[in-house]
Amino acid sequence: MLVLGETGAGKEVVARLLHDWSRRHARPFVALNCGALPESVLESELFGHEAGAFTGADRKRVGRIEHASGGTLFLDEIESCPPAIQVKLLRVLETREVEPLGTNERRKLDLRVVAATKLDLGDPRARGDFREDLYYRLNVVTLRIPPLRERSEDVPLLFARFLARAAERFGRPLPELAPAVRARLAGHDWPGNVRELLHFAERVALGLVEGEEAGEGTVAAPAEGTLPERVDRFEAEQIRAVLREHRGNAAAAMASLGLPKKTFYDKLKRHGIQRADFDG
């Protein structure tokens, strides 16, 4: 299956729902972003390896494909998959077997693959070096997720849900919506789609939105709370912004923030931030 949609449209959410509502729901849902890893790492992540298969392979690793057997494998940004990996992935889909690096043993799979892309892979001009045969193998069913600008009637419902969830997570009262926020909801095109709307709802829940939605281009610090409380909210928003920028990549976020690993994860826990919310 192919899920087609713009960045931030909620392709992984759709894939997870397809899994949760299927007979495979008791088995793993395994997600991997094909554009987030270099080719050598991606190959090991997908297909797994035996101990000693390459330098640094100290122990056996079960790949994402094998781990997803019986469940659902979700491959995001499939259009970013390197050509050599495409060949191996095509063979897995055709034979329903996987051959980890460093072994000639083939392991049987019971696998459903859901691939997501922001490109129309059916168009040769958009497809580029993506294999046509792999496209047709994946394209048994294509599900297109319209961008928010094409379904503006969904914006208030989604925002209300996101706002309530954010307020509960941050331990904040559900705020009343200022006229500027209502105008933003009604008039903005949401180029970042559902992800942008979600993060906007989080800022509203935290009281961080004041002039931005009125077109003034500023975000004022919240006027309420003690100084430590304001500092905590500002710190949490900065961490979210960096995670958003790096699409949930913890290593990149730690480097950008200049935080050691333990401190970074301690702050995530203290602020109730789920790194997975920013993936993909």
C-alpha atoms as a PDB file:
ATOM      1  CA  MET A   1       0.000   0.000   0.000  1.00  0.00           C
ATOM      2  CA  LEU A   2       1.084   3.567  -0.732  1.00  0.00           C
ATOM      3  CA  VAL A   3       0.006   6.528   1.375  1.00  0.00           C
ATOM      4  CA  LEU A   4       0.415   9.761  -0.569  1.00  0.00           C
ATOM      5  CA  GLY A   5       0.398  13.138   1.134  1.00  0.00           C
ATOM      6  CA  GLU A   6       2.319  16.311   1.790  1.00  0.00           C
ATOM      7  CA  THR A   7       4.762  16.654   4.662  1.00  0.00           C
ATOM      8  CA  GLY A   8       2.913  16.817   7.965  1.00  0.00           C
ATOM      9  CA  ALA A   9      -0.356  15.475   6.559  1.00  0.00           C
ATOM     10  CA  GLY A  10      -0.445  12.552   8.992  1.00  0.00           C
ATOM     11  CA  LYS A  11       0.698   9.655   6.829  1.00  0.00           C
ATOM     12  CA  GLU A  12       2.125   7.691   9.747  1.00  0.00           C
ATOM     13  CA  VAL A  13      -1.041   8.259  11.767  1.00  0.00           C
ATOM     14  CA  VAL A  14      -3.060   6.749   8.907  1.00  0.00           C
ATOM     15  CA  ALA A  15      -0.677   3.792   8.640  1.00  0.00           C
ATOM     16  CA  ARG A  16      -0.885   3.149  12.371  1.00  0.00           C
ATOM     17  CA  LEU A  17      -4.683   3.255  12.297  1.00  0.00           C
ATOM     18  CA  LEU A  18      -4.722   0.786   9.409  1.00  0.00           C
ATOM     19  CA  HIS A  19      -2.613  -1.491  11.584  1.00  0.00           C
ATOM     20  CA  ASP A  20      -4.595  -0.956  14.796  1.00  0.00           C
ATOM     21  CA  TRP A  21      -7.913  -1.633  13.058  1.00  0.00           C
ATOM     22  CA  SER A  22      -6.681  -4.765  11.293  1.00  0.00           C
ATOM     23  CA  ARG A  23      -6.296  -8.380  12.326  1.00  0.00           C
ATOM     24  CA  ARG A  24      -2.571  -7.662  12.711  1.00  0.00           C
ATOM     25  CA  HIS A  25      -3.064  -5.243  15.599  1.00  0.00           C
ATOM     26  CA  ALA A  26      -1.590  -7.630  18.186  1.00  0.00           C
ATOM     27  CA  ARG A  27       1.678  -7.833  16.242  1.00  0.00           C
ATOM     28  CA  PRO A  28       4.323  -5.073  15.897  1.00  0.00           C
ATOM     29  CA  PHE A  29       3.840  -1.828  14.012  1.00  0.00           C
ATOM     30  CA  VAL A  30       7.382  -0.991  12.889  1.00  0.00           C
ATOM     31  CA  ALA A  31       8.141   2.432  11.400  1.00  0.00           C
ATOM     32  CA  LEU A  32      11.293   3.607   9.630  1.00  0.00           C
ATOM     33  CA  ASN A  33      12.063   6.864   7.832  1.00  0.00           C
ATOM     34  CA  CYS A  34      14.049   5.960   4.718  1.00  0.00           C
ATOM     35  CA  GLY A  35      15.326   9.511   4.314  1.00  0.00           C
ATOM     36  CA  ALA A  36      16.724   9.858   7.823  1.00  0.00           C
ATOM     37  CA  LEU A  37      19.584   7.338   7.626  1.00  0.00           C
ATOM     38  CA  PRO A  38      22.656   6.879   5.420  1.00  0.00           C
ATOM     39  CA  GLU A  39      22.526   3.918   3.047  1.00  0.00           C
ATOM     40  CA  SER A  40      24.859   1.659   5.064  1.00  0.00           C
ATOM     41  CA  VAL A  41      22.861   2.153   8.248  1.00  0.00           C
ATOM     42  CA  LEU A  42      19.516   1.883   6.454  1.00  0.00           C
ATOM     43  CA  GLU A  43      20.480  -1.504   4.992  1.00  0.00           C
ATOM     44  CA  SER A  44      21.322  -2.912   8.410  1.00  0.00           C
ATOM     45  CA  GLU A  45      18.202  -1.381   9.980  1.00  0.00           C
ATOM     46  CA  LEU A  46      15.944  -2.907   7.341  1.00  0.00           C
ATOM     47  CA  PHE A  47      17.465  -6.316   6.726  1.00  0.00           C
ATOM     48  CA  GLY A  48      19.390  -6.959   9.944  1.00  0.00           C
ATOM     49  CA  HIS A  49      22.830  -8.528  10.218  1.00  0.00           C
ATOM     50  CA  GLU A  50      24.742 -11.346  11.818  1.00  0.00           C
ATOM     51  CA  ALA A  51      27.601 -10.817  14.257  1.00  0.00           C
ATOM     52  CA  GLY A  52      30.782 -10.047  12.326  1.00  0.00           C
ATOM     53  CA  ALA A  53      28.942  -9.129   9.114  1.00  0.00           C
ATOM     54  CA  PHE A  54      30.905  -5.866   8.966  1.00  0.00           C
ATOM     55  CA  THR A  55      33.236  -3.787  11.102  1.00  0.00           C
ATOM     56  CA  GLY A  56      31.455  -2.850  14.316  1.00  0.00           C
ATOM     57  CA  ALA A  57      28.809  -5.599  14.039  1.00  0.00           C
ATOM     58  CA  ASP A  58      29.564  -7.090  17.444  1.00  0.00           C
ATOM     59  CA  ARG A  59      26.260  -8.881  17.793  1.00  0.00           C
ATOM     60  CA  LYS A  60      23.360 -10.168  15.765  1.00  0.00           C
ATOM     61  CA  ARG A  61      20.631  -7.648  14.971  1.00  0.00           C
ATOM     62  CA  VAL A  62      17.121  -8.472  13.818  1.00  0.00           C
ATOM     63  CA  GLY A  63      16.158  -6.022  11.082  1.00  0.00           C
ATOM     64  CA  ARG A  64      12.979  -3.952  10.989  1.00  0.00           C
ATOM     65  CA  ILE A  65      11.562  -6.105   8.194  1.00  0.00           C
ATOM     66  CA  GLU A  66      11.904  -9.343  10.153  1.00  0.00           C
ATOM     67  CA  HIS A  67      10.733  -7.708  13.384  1.00  0.00           C
ATOM     68  CA  ALA A  68       7.542  -6.549  11.611  1.00  0.00           C
ATOM     69  CA  SER A  69       6.657 -10.087  10.467  1.00  0.00           C
ATOM     70  CA  GLY A  70       3.053 -10.771  11.373  1.00  0.00           C
ATOM     71  CA  GLY A  71       2.436  -7.042  11.759  1.00  0.00           C
ATOM     72  CA  THR A  72       2.941  -3.929   9.648  1.00  0.00           C
ATOM     73  CA  LEU A  73       6.123  -2.343   8.309  1.00  0.00           C
ATOM     74  CA  PHE A  74       5.742   1.393   7.679  1.00  0.00           C
ATOM     75  CA  LEU A  75       8.371   2.939   5.398  1.00  0.00           C
ATOM     76  CA  ASP A  76       8.174   6.729   5.405  1.00  0.00           C
ATOM     77  CA  GLU A  77       9.748   8.830   2.632  1.00  0.00           C
ATOM     78  CA  ILE A  78      10.101   5.726   0.486  1.00  0.00           C
ATOM     79  CA  GLU A  79      11.129   7.968  -2.415  1.00  0.00           C
ATOM     80  CA  SER A  80      14.412   8.604  -0.538  1.00  0.00           C
ATOM     81  CA  CYS A  81      15.348   4.927  -0.518  1.00  0.00           C
ATOM     82  CA  PRO A  82      18.724   4.434  -2.310  1.00  0.00           C
ATOM     83  CA  PRO A  83      18.628   2.372  -5.546  1.00  0.00           C
ATOM     84  CA  ALA A  84      20.614  -0.553  -4.077  1.00  0.00           C
ATOM     85  CA  ILE A  85      18.207  -0.813  -1.159  1.00  0.00           C
ATOM     86  CA  GLN A  86      15.268  -0.639  -3.554  1.00  0.00           C
ATOM     87  CA  VAL A  87      16.523  -3.767  -5.335  1.00  0.00           C
ATOM     88  CA  LYS A  88      16.742  -5.730  -2.080  1.00  0.00           C
ATOM     89  CA  LEU A  89      13.397  -4.421  -0.862  1.00  0.00           C
ATOM     90  CA  LEU A  90      11.750  -5.448  -4.132  1.00  0.00           C
ATOM     91  CA  ARG A  91      13.065  -8.979  -3.697  1.00  0.00           C
ATOM     92  CA  VAL A  92      11.706  -9.136  -0.151  1.00  0.00           C
ATOM     93  CA  LEU A  93       8.265  -8.089  -1.392  1.00  0.00           C
ATOM     94  CA  GLU A  94       8.345 -10.635  -4.202  1.00  0.00           C
ATOM     95  CA  THR A  95       9.643 -13.626  -2.230  1.00  0.00           C
ATOM     96  CA  ARG A  96       8.336 -12.759   1.244  1.00  0.00           C
ATOM     97  CA  GLU A  97      11.765 -13.720   2.556  1.00  0.00           C
ATOM     98  CA  VAL A  98      14.583 -11.692   4.087  1.00  0.00           C
ATOM     99  CA  GLU A  99      18.307 -12.456   3.980  1.00  0.00           C
ATOM    100  CA  PRO A 100      20.199 -10.563   6.730  1.00  0.00           C
ATOM    101  CA  LEU A 101      23.696  -9.249   6.049  1.00  0.00           C
ATOM    102  CA  GLY A 102      26.403 -11.802   6.734  1.00  0.00           C
ATOM    103  CA  THR A 103      24.321 -14.928   6.116  1.00  0.00           C
ATOM    104  CA  ASN A 104      22.897 -16.938   3.233  1.00  0.00           C
ATOM    105  CA  GLU A 105      19.936 -17.987   5.341  1.00  0.00           C
ATOM    106  CA  ARG A 106      16.553 -16.834   4.076  1.00  0.00           C
ATOM    107  CA  ARG A 107      13.845 -16.259   6.648  1.00  0.00           C
ATOM    108  CA  LYS A 108      10.163 -16.468   5.812  1.00  0.00           C
ATOM    109  CA  LEU A 109       7.981 -13.432   6.463  1.00  0.00           C
ATOM    110  CA  ASP A 110       4.314 -12.706   7.032  1.00  0.00           C
ATOM    111  CA  LEU A 111       4.499  -9.069   6.127  1.00  0.00           C
ATOM    112  CA  ARG A 112       2.319  -6.117   5.229  1.00  0.00           C
ATOM    113  CA  VAL A 113       4.161  -3.037   3.978  1.00  0.00           C
ATOM    114  CA  VAL A 114       2.695   0.449   4.014  1.00  0.00           C
ATOM    115  CA  ALA A 115       4.928   2.988   2.261  1.00  0.00           C
ATOM    116  CA  ALA A 116       4.471   6.746   2.459  1.00  0.00           C
ATOM    117  CA  THR A 117       5.590   9.373  -0.017  1.00  0.00           C
ATOM    118  CA  LYS A 118       5.038  13.036  -0.737  1.00  0.00           C
ATOM    119  CA  LEU A 119       5.712  12.493  -4.462  1.00  0.00           C
ATOM    120  CA  ASP A 120       3.450  11.077  -7.149  1.00  0.00           C
ATOM    121  CA  LEU A 121       5.579   8.033  -7.939  1.00  0.00           C
ATOM    122  CA  GLY A 122       3.242   7.161 -10.785  1.00  0.00           C
ATOM    123  CA  ASP A 123       4.594  10.165 -12.687  1.00  0.00           C
ATOM    124  CA  PRO A 124       7.975   9.263 -14.275  1.00  0.00           C
ATOM    125  CA  ARG A 125       9.108  12.893 -13.987  1.00  0.00           C
ATOM    126  CA  ALA A 126       8.423  12.948 -10.253  1.00  0.00           C
ATOM    127  CA  ARG A 127       9.673   9.379  -9.724  1.00  0.00           C
ATOM    128  CA  GLY A 128      13.251  10.119 -10.749  1.00  0.00           C
ATOM    129  CA  ASP A 129      15.491   7.123  -9.966  1.00  0.00           C
ATOM    130  CA  PHE A 130      12.818   5.322  -7.958  1.00  0.00           C
ATOM    131  CA  ARG A 131      12.318   1.893  -9.530  1.00  0.00           C
ATOM    132  CA  GLU A 132       9.146   1.535 -11.565  1.00  0.00           C
ATOM    133  CA  ASP A 133       8.798  -2.156 -10.671  1.00  0.00           C
ATOM    134  CA  LEU A 134       9.027  -1.363  -6.949  1.00  0.00           C
ATOM    135  CA  TYR A 135       6.400   1.343  -7.383  1.00  0.00           C
ATOM    136  CA  TYR A 136       3.990  -1.113  -8.979  1.00  0.00           C
ATOM    137  CA  ARG A 137       4.736  -3.710  -6.309  1.00  0.00           C
ATOM    138  CA  LEU A 138       3.832  -1.207  -3.584  1.00  0.00           C
ATOM    139  CA  ASN A 139       0.963   0.388  -5.452  1.00  0.00           C
ATOM    140  CA  VAL A 140      -1.651  -2.292  -4.850  1.00  0.00           C
ATOM    141  CA  VAL A 141      -3.744   0.404  -3.164  1.00  0.00           C
ATOM    142  CA  THR A 142      -2.977   4.128  -2.993  1.00  0.00           C
ATOM    143  CA  LEU A 143      -4.517   6.263  -0.277  1.00  0.00           C
ATOM    144  CA  ARG A 144      -4.182  10.020  -0.771  1.00  0.00           C
ATOM    145  CA  ILE A 145      -4.390  12.288   2.270  1.00  0.00           C
ATOM    146  CA  PRO A 146      -5.614  15.740   1.206  1.00  0.00           C
ATOM    147  CA  PRO A 147      -3.708  18.711   2.646  1.00  0.00           C
ATOM    148  CA  LEU A 148      -5.497  20.811   5.256  1.00  0.00           C
ATOM    149  CA  ARG A 149      -6.067  23.628   2.778  1.00  0.00           C
ATOM    150  CA  GLU A 150      -8.359  21.257   0.871  1.00  0.00           C
ATOM    151  CA  ARG A 151     -10.352  20.278   3.956  1.00  0.00           C
ATOM    152  CA  SER A 152     -10.629  23.454   5.979  1.00  0.00           C
ATOM    153  CA  GLU A 153     -13.767  22.151   7.681  1.00  0.00           C
ATOM    154  CA  ASP A 154     -11.540  19.673   9.570  1.00  0.00           C
ATOM    155  CA  VAL A 155      -9.345  22.388  11.098  1.00  0.00           C
ATOM    156  CA  PRO A 156     -11.610  23.381  14.056  1.00  0.00           C
ATOM    157  CA  LEU A 157     -12.268  19.745  14.986  1.00  0.00           C
ATOM    158  CA  LEU A 158      -8.606  18.769  14.818  1.00  0.00           C
ATOM    159  CA  PHE A 159      -7.514  21.883  16.688  1.00  0.00           C
ATOM    160  CA  ALA A 160     -10.017  21.281  19.495  1.00  0.00           C
ATOM    161  CA  ARG A 161      -8.739  17.732  19.894  1.00  0.00           C
ATOM    162  CA  PHE A 162      -5.082  18.780  19.831  1.00  0.00           C
ATOM    163  CA  LEU A 163      -5.686  21.652  22.261  1.00  0.00           C
ATOM    164  CA  ALA A 164      -7.481  19.449  24.797  1.00  0.00           C
ATOM    165  CA  ARG A 165      -4.744  16.819  24.573  1.00  0.00           C
ATOM    166  CA  ALA A 166      -1.970  19.419  24.949  1.00  0.00           C
ATOM    167  CA  ALA A 167      -3.649  21.111  27.916  1.00  0.00           C
ATOM    168  CA  GLU A 168      -3.993  17.760  29.680  1.00  0.00           C
ATOM    169  CA  ARG A 169      -0.385  16.804  28.954  1.00  0.00           C
ATOM    170  CA  PHE A 170       1.032  20.108  30.174  1.00  0.00           C
ATOM    171  CA  GLY A 171      -1.256  20.259  33.208  1.00  0.00           C
ATOM    172  CA  ARG A 172      -2.794  23.505  32.020  1.00  0.00           C
ATOM    173  CA  PRO A 173      -6.435  24.650  32.044  1.00  0.00           C
ATOM    174  CA  LEU A 174      -8.153  24.603  28.672  1.00  0.00           C
ATOM    175  CA  PRO A 175      -7.729  28.209  27.438  1.00  0.00           C
ATOM    176  CA  GLU A 176     -10.395  30.402  25.906  1.00  0.00           C
ATOM    177  CA  LEU A 177      -9.594  31.223  22.306  1.00  0.00           C
ATOM    178  CA  ALA A 178      -8.642  34.826  21.596  1.00  0.00           C
ATOM    179  CA  PRO A 179     -10.082  36.446  18.446  1.00  0.00           C
ATOM    180  CA  ALA A 180      -6.640  36.396  16.818  1.00  0.00           C
ATOM    181  CA  VAL A 181      -6.393  32.629  17.326  1.00  0.00           C
ATOM    182  CA  ARG A 182      -9.858  32.108  15.831  1.00  0.00           C
ATOM    183  CA  ALA A 183      -8.885  34.256  12.857  1.00  0.00           C
ATOM    184  CA  ARG A 184      -5.725  32.204  12.391  1.00  0.00           C
ATOM    185  CA  LEU A 185      -7.713  28.981  12.387  1.00  0.00           C
ATOM    186  CA  ALA A 186     -10.144  30.343   9.812  1.00  0.00           C
ATOM    187  CA  GLY A 187      -7.703  32.106   7.489  1.00  0.00           C
ATOM    188  CA  HIS A 188      -4.394  30.234   7.538  1.00  0.00           C
ATOM    189  CA  ASP A 189      -3.525  27.750   4.747  1.00  0.00           C
ATOM    190  CA  TRP A 190      -1.527  25.444   7.077  1.00  0.00           C
ATOM    191  CA  PRO A 191       1.324  24.579   4.683  1.00  0.00           C
ATOM    192  CA  GLY A 192       2.743  22.286   7.389  1.00  0.00           C
ATOM    193  CA  ASN A 193      -0.623  20.513   7.531  1.00  0.00           C
ATOM    194  CA  VAL A 194      -1.658  18.524  10.614  1.00  0.00           C
ATOM    195  CA  ARG A 195       1.791  18.726  12.195  1.00  0.00           C
ATOM    196  CA  GLU A 196       1.746  22.531  12.006  1.00  0.00           C
ATOM    197  CA  LEU A 197      -1.759  22.642  13.487  1.00  0.00           C
ATOM    198  CA  LEU A 198      -0.713  20.317  16.311  1.00  0.00           C
ATOM    199  CA  HIS A 199       2.264  22.474  17.261  1.00  0.00           C
ATOM    200  CA  PHE A 200       0.130  25.617  17.067  1.00  0.00           C
ATOM    201  CA  ALA A 201      -2.338  24.009  19.495  1.00  0.00           C
ATOM    202  CA  GLU A 202       0.532  23.207  21.859  1.00  0.00           C
ATOM    203  CA  ARG A 203       1.704  26.835  21.813  1.00  0.00           C
ATOM    204  CA  VAL A 204      -1.820  28.043  22.520  1.00  0.00           C
ATOM    205  CA  ALA A 205      -2.142  25.586  25.409  1.00  0.00           C
ATOM    206  CA  LEU A 206       1.140  26.865  26.865  1.00  0.00           C
ATOM    207  CA  GLY A 207       0.102  30.502  26.523  1.00  0.00           C
ATOM    208  CA  LEU A 208       2.970  31.233  24.137  1.00  0.00           C
ATOM    209  CA  VAL A 209       0.850  32.662  21.312  1.00  0.00           C
ATOM    210  CA  GLU A 210      -0.014  36.317  21.504  1.00  0.00           C
ATOM    211  CA  GLY A 211       0.761  38.473  18.480  1.00  0.00           C
ATOM    212  CA  GLU A 212       1.864  35.921  15.930  1.00  0.00           C
ATOM    213  CA  GLU A 213      -1.614  34.943  14.750  1.00  0.00           C
ATOM    214  CA  ALA A 214      -2.651  38.572  14.305  1.00  0.00           C
ATOM    215  CA  GLY A 215       0.118  38.922  11.742  1.00  0.00           C
ATOM    216  CA  GLU A 216       2.509  40.839  13.961  1.00  0.00           C
ATOM    217  CA  GLY A 217       5.197  38.151  13.652  1.00  0.00           C
ATOM    218  CA  THR A 218       5.940  37.999  17.365  1.00  0.00           C
ATOM    219  CA  VAL A 219       5.450  35.442  20.092  1.00  0.00           C
ATOM    220  CA  ALA A 220       5.284  36.996  23.525  1.00  0.00           C
ATOM    221  CA  ALA A 221       6.283  35.275  26.721  1.00  0.00           C
ATOM    222  CA  PRO A 222       3.244  34.281  28.792  1.00  0.00           C
ATOM    223  CA  ALA A 223       2.257  36.967  31.248  1.00  0.00           C
ATOM    224  CA  GLU A 224       1.178  34.605  34.009  1.00  0.00           C
ATOM    225  CA  GLY A 225       3.112  32.441  36.438  1.00  0.00           C
ATOM    226  CA  THR A 226       6.290  32.884  38.420  1.00  0.00           C
ATOM    227  CA  LEU A 227       9.603  33.513  36.714  1.00  0.00           C
ATOM    228  CA  PRO A 228      10.709  29.851  37.113  1.00  0.00           C
ATOM    229  CA  GLU A 229       7.408  28.737  35.578  1.00  0.00           C
ATOM    230  CA  ARG A 230       7.898  31.091  32.631  1.00  0.00           C
ATOM    231  CA  VAL A 231      11.475  29.890  32.174  1.00  0.00           C
ATOM    232  CA  ASP A 232      10.291  26.266  32.211  1.00  0.00           C
ATOM    233  CA  ARG A 233       7.675  26.988  29.553  1.00  0.00           C
ATOM    234  CA  PHE A 234      10.208  28.811  27.404  1.00  0.00           C
ATOM    235  CA  GLU A 235      12.699  25.942  27.738  1.00  0.00           C
ATOM    236  CA  ALA A 236      10.055  23.389  26.772  1.00  0.00           C
ATOM    237  CA  GLU A 237       9.068  25.394  23.712  1.00  0.00           C
ATOM    238  CA  GLN A 238      12.694  25.708  22.604  1.00  0.00           C
ATOM    239  CA  ILE A 239      13.177  21.943  22.905  1.00  0.00           C
ATOM    240  CA  ARG A 240       9.998  21.331  20.907  1.00  0.00           C
ATOM    241  CA  ALA A 241      11.103  23.795  18.245  1.00  0.00           C
ATOM    242  CA  VAL A 242      14.466  22.050  17.825  1.00  0.00           C
ATOM    243  CA  LEU A 243      12.867  18.600  17.730  1.00  0.00           C
ATOM    244  CA  ARG A 244      10.408  19.903  15.161  1.00  0.00           C
ATOM    245  CA  GLU A 245      13.264  21.307  13.068  1.00  0.00           C
ATOM    246  CA  HIS A 246      15.168  18.011  13.179  1.00  0.00           C
ATOM    247  CA  ARG A 247      12.040  15.845  12.783  1.00  0.00           C
ATOM    248  CA  GLY A 248      12.528  14.096  16.099  1.00  0.00           C
ATOM    249  CA  ASN A 249      16.206  13.222  15.568  1.00  0.00           C
ATOM    250  CA  ALA A 250      17.497  13.116  19.149  1.00  0.00           C
ATOM    251  CA  ALA A 251      21.194  13.267  18.260  1.00  0.00           C
ATOM    252  CA  ALA A 252      20.726  16.345  16.058  1.00  0.00           C
ATOM    253  CA  ALA A 253      18.552  18.014  18.700  1.00  0.00           C
ATOM    254  CA  MET A 254      21.129  17.399  21.447  1.00  0.00           C
ATOM    255  CA  ALA A 255      23.868  18.845  19.243  1.00  0.00           C
ATOM    256  CA  SER A 256      21.788  21.916  18.399  1.00  0.00           C
ATOM    257  CA  LEU A 257      20.861  22.545  22.037  1.00  0.00           C
ATOM    258  CA  GLY A 258      24.346  21.741  23.350  1.00  0.00           C
ATOM    259  CA  LEU A 259      22.961  19.244  25.870  1.00  0.00           C
ATOM    260  CA  PRO A 260      24.458  15.924  26.977  1.00  0.00           C
ATOM    261  CA  LYS A 261      22.292  12.856  26.476  1.00  0.00           C
ATOM    262  CA  LYS A 262      21.188  12.409  30.107  1.00  0.00           C
ATOM    263  CA  THR A 263      20.297  16.090  30.526  1.00  0.00           C
ATOM    264  CA  PHE A 264      18.380  16.094  27.258  1.00  0.00           C
ATOM    265  CA  TYR A 265      16.249  13.087  28.199  1.00  0.00           C
ATOM    266  CA  ASP A 266      15.746  14.379  31.746  1.00  0.00           C
ATOM    267  CA  LYS A 267      14.316  17.581  30.273  1.00  0.00           C
ATOM    268  CA  LEU A 268      12.042  15.641  27.906  1.00  0.00           C
ATOM    269  CA  LYS A 269      10.659  13.728  30.874  1.00  0.00           C
ATOM    270  CA  ARG A 270      10.260  16.837  33.032  1.00  0.00           C
ATOM    271  CA  HIS A 271       8.379  18.749  30.336  1.00  0.00           C
ATOM    272  CA  GLY A 272       6.291  15.783  29.198  1.00  0.00           C
ATOM    273  CA  ILE A 273       7.742  15.911  25.683  1.00  0.00           C
ATOM    274  CA  GLN A 274       7.434  12.792  23.556  1.00  0.00           C
ATOM    275  CA  ARG A 275      10.190  12.711  20.943  1.00  0.00           C
ATOM    276  CA  ALA A 276       8.118  10.351  18.792  1.00  0.00           C
ATOM    277  CA  ASP A 277       5.545  13.149  18.298  1.00  0.00           C
ATOM    278  CA  PHE A 278       8.067  14.903  16.023  1.00  0.00           C
ATOM    279  CA  ASP A 279       9.148  11.916  13.902  1.00  0.00           C
ATOM    280  CA  GLY A 280       8.759  11.884  10.178  1.00  0.00           C
END
